[in-house]
Amino acid sequence: MNDYGLDIMPVSLESCIMSLADQITSDLKEAMRAKDSTSLAVLRSLKTALKNLAIEKHGAGGELDSNMEIGVVRTAIKQRNDSVEQFEKAGRQDLADNEKSEIKILNKYLPASLSEEEIDKLIDEAVSESGATSRKEMGQVMKILQVKAAGRVDNKTLSAAVMQRLA
């Protein structure tokens, strides 16, 4: 009890921060209330993908760590980018625009991206850690980078930057 007669429990920072799955569930409810069909469809598919991966990895009651959750979001974005490319080739701009709006919704669930300078710094650290001097050792550098970047930059960007650095 404090001076005001209230029973106050200390709260840790971790308990204040929502997991990505909890945030998606909350946003799903908001989309239902707002009758936003696009957001609703995207969030339902994302929630399903997260749940399917959790079941695949840990069984029925399993939970994913934040890196795996971010990986699911990145996969969903990549699938939609591929769809945009195919729709534009086929001359279906209406469908491509729909996919682009879905990508905007999904981007809200990714952590802030790293700047070019931060990426270069991480690459320099990873190259010096692994001792890599040629493209043959790129796998070692990428393994270190993926841990350090922690989902804040896509692997395609990292791979291109590492290739350029080890050329």
Foldseek 3Di string as FASTA:
>chain_A
DDPVPDDDDDDDPVVVDDALLVVLVVVLVVCVVVVPVLSNVLSVVLNVQQQVVQCVVPNNPGHDDRLVSLVSLVVLLVVLVVVLVVCVVVVNVVSNVSSVVSSVSSVVSAPAADDPVVLVVLLVVLCVVQVDQAPVCVVSSLVSSCVVRSRRDDSVVSSVVNNVVND
